[in-house]
Amino acid sequence: PDAATQTALVFETDADGKVTSWRVGKPPQVDYVEGCG
């Protein structure tokens, strides 16, 4: 697949391995950590 059709599901975890947030999107934007707020 090319970059135009790839998507990713990203989980953020704390030190204990508990999922604290998640996001889904297309690279490279899904890798941005700034958020939209």
PDB file of N, CA and C in Angstrom:
ATOM      1  N   PRO A   1       0.831  -1.211   0.000  1.00  0.00           N
ATOM      2  CA  PRO A   1       0.000   0.000   0.000  1.00  0.00           C
ATOM      3  C   PRO A   1       0.861   1.256   0.000  1.00  0.00           C
ATOM      4  N   ASP A   2       0.373   2.285  -0.614  1.00  0.00           N
ATOM      5  CA  ASP A   2       1.118   3.539  -0.618  1.00  0.00           C
ATOM      6  C   ASP A   2       0.690   4.406   0.561  1.00  0.00           C
ATOM      7  N   ALA A   3       1.432   5.474   0.810  1.00  0.00           N
ATOM      8  CA  ALA A   3       1.187   6.336   1.977  1.00  0.00           C
ATOM      9  C   ALA A   3      -0.196   6.972   1.941  1.00  0.00           C
ATOM     10  N   ALA A   4      -0.768   7.171   0.775  1.00  0.00           N
ATOM     11  CA  ALA A   4      -2.077   7.809   0.667  1.00  0.00           C
ATOM     12  C   ALA A   4      -3.196   6.932   1.227  1.00  0.00           C
ATOM     13  N   THR A   5      -2.990   5.631   1.290  1.00  0.00           N
ATOM     14  CA  THR A   5      -4.044   4.733   1.771  1.00  0.00           C
ATOM     15  C   THR A   5      -3.743   4.126   3.131  1.00  0.00           C
ATOM     16  N   GLN A   6      -2.584   4.380   3.706  1.00  0.00           N
ATOM     17  CA  GLN A   6      -2.234   3.810   5.007  1.00  0.00           C
ATOM     18  C   GLN A   6      -2.915   4.576   6.131  1.00  0.00           C
ATOM     19  N   THR A   7      -3.329   3.857   7.155  1.00  0.00           N
ATOM     20  CA  THR A   7      -3.847   4.466   8.374  1.00  0.00           C
ATOM     21  C   THR A   7      -3.180   3.784   9.560  1.00  0.00           C
ATOM     22  N   ALA A   8      -3.263   4.439  10.720  1.00  0.00           N
ATOM     23  CA  ALA A   8      -2.625   3.884  11.913  1.00  0.00           C
ATOM     24  C   ALA A   8      -3.520   4.107  13.124  1.00  0.00           C
ATOM     25  N   LEU A   9      -3.449   3.187  14.067  1.00  0.00           N
ATOM     26  CA  LEU A   9      -4.102   3.295  15.360  1.00  0.00           C
ATOM     27  C   LEU A   9      -2.987   3.345  16.390  1.00  0.00           C
ATOM     28  N   VAL A  10      -2.924   4.441  17.161  1.00  0.00           N
ATOM     29  CA  VAL A  10      -1.826   4.670  18.099  1.00  0.00           C
ATOM     30  C   VAL A  10      -2.381   4.720  19.521  1.00  0.00           C
ATOM     31  N   PHE A  11      -1.797   3.934  20.416  1.00  0.00           N
ATOM     32  CA  PHE A  11      -2.174   3.933  21.827  1.00  0.00           C
ATOM     33  C   PHE A  11      -1.071   4.601  22.632  1.00  0.00           C
ATOM     34  N   GLU A  12      -1.444   5.523  23.523  1.00  0.00           N
ATOM     35  CA  GLU A  12      -0.513   6.122  24.477  1.00  0.00           C
ATOM     36  C   GLU A  12      -0.729   5.408  25.805  1.00  0.00           C
ATOM     37  N   THR A  13       0.367   5.027  26.480  1.00  0.00           N
ATOM     38  CA  THR A  13       0.258   4.318  27.751  1.00  0.00           C
ATOM     39  C   THR A  13       1.055   5.032  28.838  1.00  0.00           C
ATOM     40  N   ASP A  14       0.659   4.785  30.092  1.00  0.00           N
ATOM     41  CA  ASP A  14       1.417   5.331  31.211  1.00  0.00           C
ATOM     42  C   ASP A  14       2.498   4.330  31.622  1.00  0.00           C
ATOM     43  N   ALA A  15       3.200   4.623  32.698  1.00  0.00           N
ATOM     44  CA  ALA A  15       4.317   3.782  33.141  1.00  0.00           C
ATOM     45  C   ALA A  15       3.872   2.371  33.528  1.00  0.00           C
ATOM     46  N   ASP A  16       2.598   2.221  33.914  1.00  0.00           N
ATOM     47  CA  ASP A  16       2.079   0.907  34.297  1.00  0.00           C
ATOM     48  C   ASP A  16       1.544   0.117  33.106  1.00  0.00           C
ATOM     49  N   GLY A  17       1.575   0.714  31.925  1.00  0.00           N
ATOM     50  CA  GLY A  17       1.073   0.043  30.736  1.00  0.00           C
ATOM     51  C   GLY A  17      -0.409   0.252  30.480  1.00  0.00           C
ATOM     52  N   LYS A  18      -1.051   1.111  31.282  1.00  0.00           N
ATOM     53  CA  LYS A  18      -2.470   1.388  31.104  1.00  0.00           C
ATOM     54  C   LYS A  18      -2.651   2.388  29.961  1.00  0.00           C
ATOM     55  N   VAL A  19      -3.582   2.104  29.064  1.00  0.00           N
ATOM     56  CA  VAL A  19      -3.846   3.008  27.947  1.00  0.00           C
ATOM     57  C   VAL A  19      -4.478   4.283  28.491  1.00  0.00           C
ATOM     58  N   THR A  20      -3.869   5.427  28.184  1.00  0.00           N
ATOM     59  CA  THR A  20      -4.375   6.712  28.653  1.00  0.00           C
ATOM     60  C   THR A  20      -5.058   7.499  27.546  1.00  0.00           C
ATOM     61  N   SER A  21      -4.723   7.207  26.297  1.00  0.00           N
ATOM     62  CA  SER A  21      -5.381   7.850  25.163  1.00  0.00           C
ATOM     63  C   SER A  21      -5.091   7.056  23.903  1.00  0.00           C
ATOM     64  N   TRP A  22      -5.861   7.348  22.872  1.00  0.00           N
ATOM     65  CA  TRP A  22      -5.629   6.702  21.587  1.00  0.00           C
ATOM     66  C   TRP A  22      -6.034   7.663  20.488  1.00  0.00           C
ATOM     67  N   ARG A  23      -5.524   7.399  19.290  1.00  0.00           N
ATOM     68  CA  ARG A  23      -5.882   8.214  18.136  1.00  0.00           C
ATOM     69  C   ARG A  23      -5.734   7.364  16.884  1.00  0.00           C
ATOM     70  N   VAL A  24      -6.436   7.762  15.856  1.00  0.00           N
ATOM     71  CA  VAL A  24      -6.370   7.057  14.580  1.00  0.00           C
ATOM     72  C   VAL A  24      -6.255   8.099  13.480  1.00  0.00           C
ATOM     73  N   GLY A  25      -5.492   7.798  12.456  1.00  0.00           N
ATOM     74  CA  GLY A  25      -5.335   8.741  11.359  1.00  0.00           C
ATOM     75  C   GLY A  25      -4.320   8.266  10.352  1.00  0.00           C
ATOM     76  N   LYS A  26      -3.956   9.193   9.482  1.00  0.00           N
ATOM     77  CA  LYS A  26      -3.002   8.893   8.416  1.00  0.00           C
ATOM     78  C   LYS A  26      -1.636   9.458   8.770  1.00  0.00           C
ATOM     79  N   PRO A  27      -0.585   8.726   8.430  1.00  0.00           N
ATOM     80  CA  PRO A  27       0.761   9.258   8.612  1.00  0.00           C
ATOM     81  C   PRO A  27       0.985  10.426   7.651  1.00  0.00           C
ATOM     82  N   PRO A  28       1.731  11.438   7.986  1.00  0.00           N
ATOM     83  CA  PRO A  28       2.480  11.590   9.228  1.00  0.00           C
ATOM     84  C   PRO A  28       1.681  12.265  10.335  1.00  0.00           C
ATOM     85  N   GLN A  29       0.477  12.764  10.023  1.00  0.00           N
ATOM     86  CA  GLN A  29      -0.282  13.537  11.005  1.00  0.00           C
ATOM     87  C   GLN A  29      -0.620  12.747  12.260  1.00  0.00           C
ATOM     88  N   VAL A  30      -0.864  11.450  12.149  1.00  0.00           N
ATOM     89  CA  VAL A  30      -1.222  10.656  13.322  1.00  0.00           C
ATOM     90  C   VAL A  30      -0.080  10.616  14.337  1.00  0.00           C
ATOM     91  N   ASP A  31       1.135  10.876  13.894  1.00  0.00           N
ATOM     92  CA  ASP A  31       2.287  10.865  14.795  1.00  0.00           C
ATOM     93  C   ASP A  31       2.473  12.183  15.546  1.00  0.00           C
ATOM     94  N   TYR A  32       1.721  13.212  15.172  1.00  0.00           N
ATOM     95  CA  TYR A  32       1.841  14.498  15.864  1.00  0.00           C
ATOM     96  C   TYR A  32       1.275  14.363  17.277  1.00  0.00           C
ATOM     97  N   VAL A  33       1.965  14.880  18.268  1.00  0.00           N
ATOM     98  CA  VAL A  33       1.534  14.732  19.663  1.00  0.00           C
ATOM     99  C   VAL A  33       0.943  16.013  20.246  1.00  0.00           C
ATOM    100  N   GLU A  34       0.894  17.080  19.466  1.00  0.00           N
ATOM    101  CA  GLU A  34       0.418  18.363  19.970  1.00  0.00           C
ATOM    102  C   GLU A  34      -1.062  18.352  20.314  1.00  0.00           C
ATOM    103  N   GLY A  35      -1.858  17.546  19.639  1.00  0.00           N
ATOM    104  CA  GLY A  35      -3.297  17.550  19.852  1.00  0.00           C
ATOM    105  C   GLY A  35      -3.944  18.699  19.106  1.00  0.00           C
ATOM    106  N   CYS A  36      -5.243  18.838  19.267  1.00  0.00           N
ATOM    107  CA  CYS A  36      -5.954  19.885  18.530  1.00  0.00           C
ATOM    108  C   CYS A  36      -6.568  20.908  19.473  1.00  0.00           C
ATOM    109  N   GLY A  37      -6.208  20.883  20.727  1.00  0.00           N
ATOM    110  CA  GLY A  37      -6.815  21.793  21.684  1.00  0.00           C
ATOM    111  C   GLY A  37      -5.919  22.844  22.034  1.00  0.00           C
TER     112      GLY A  37
END
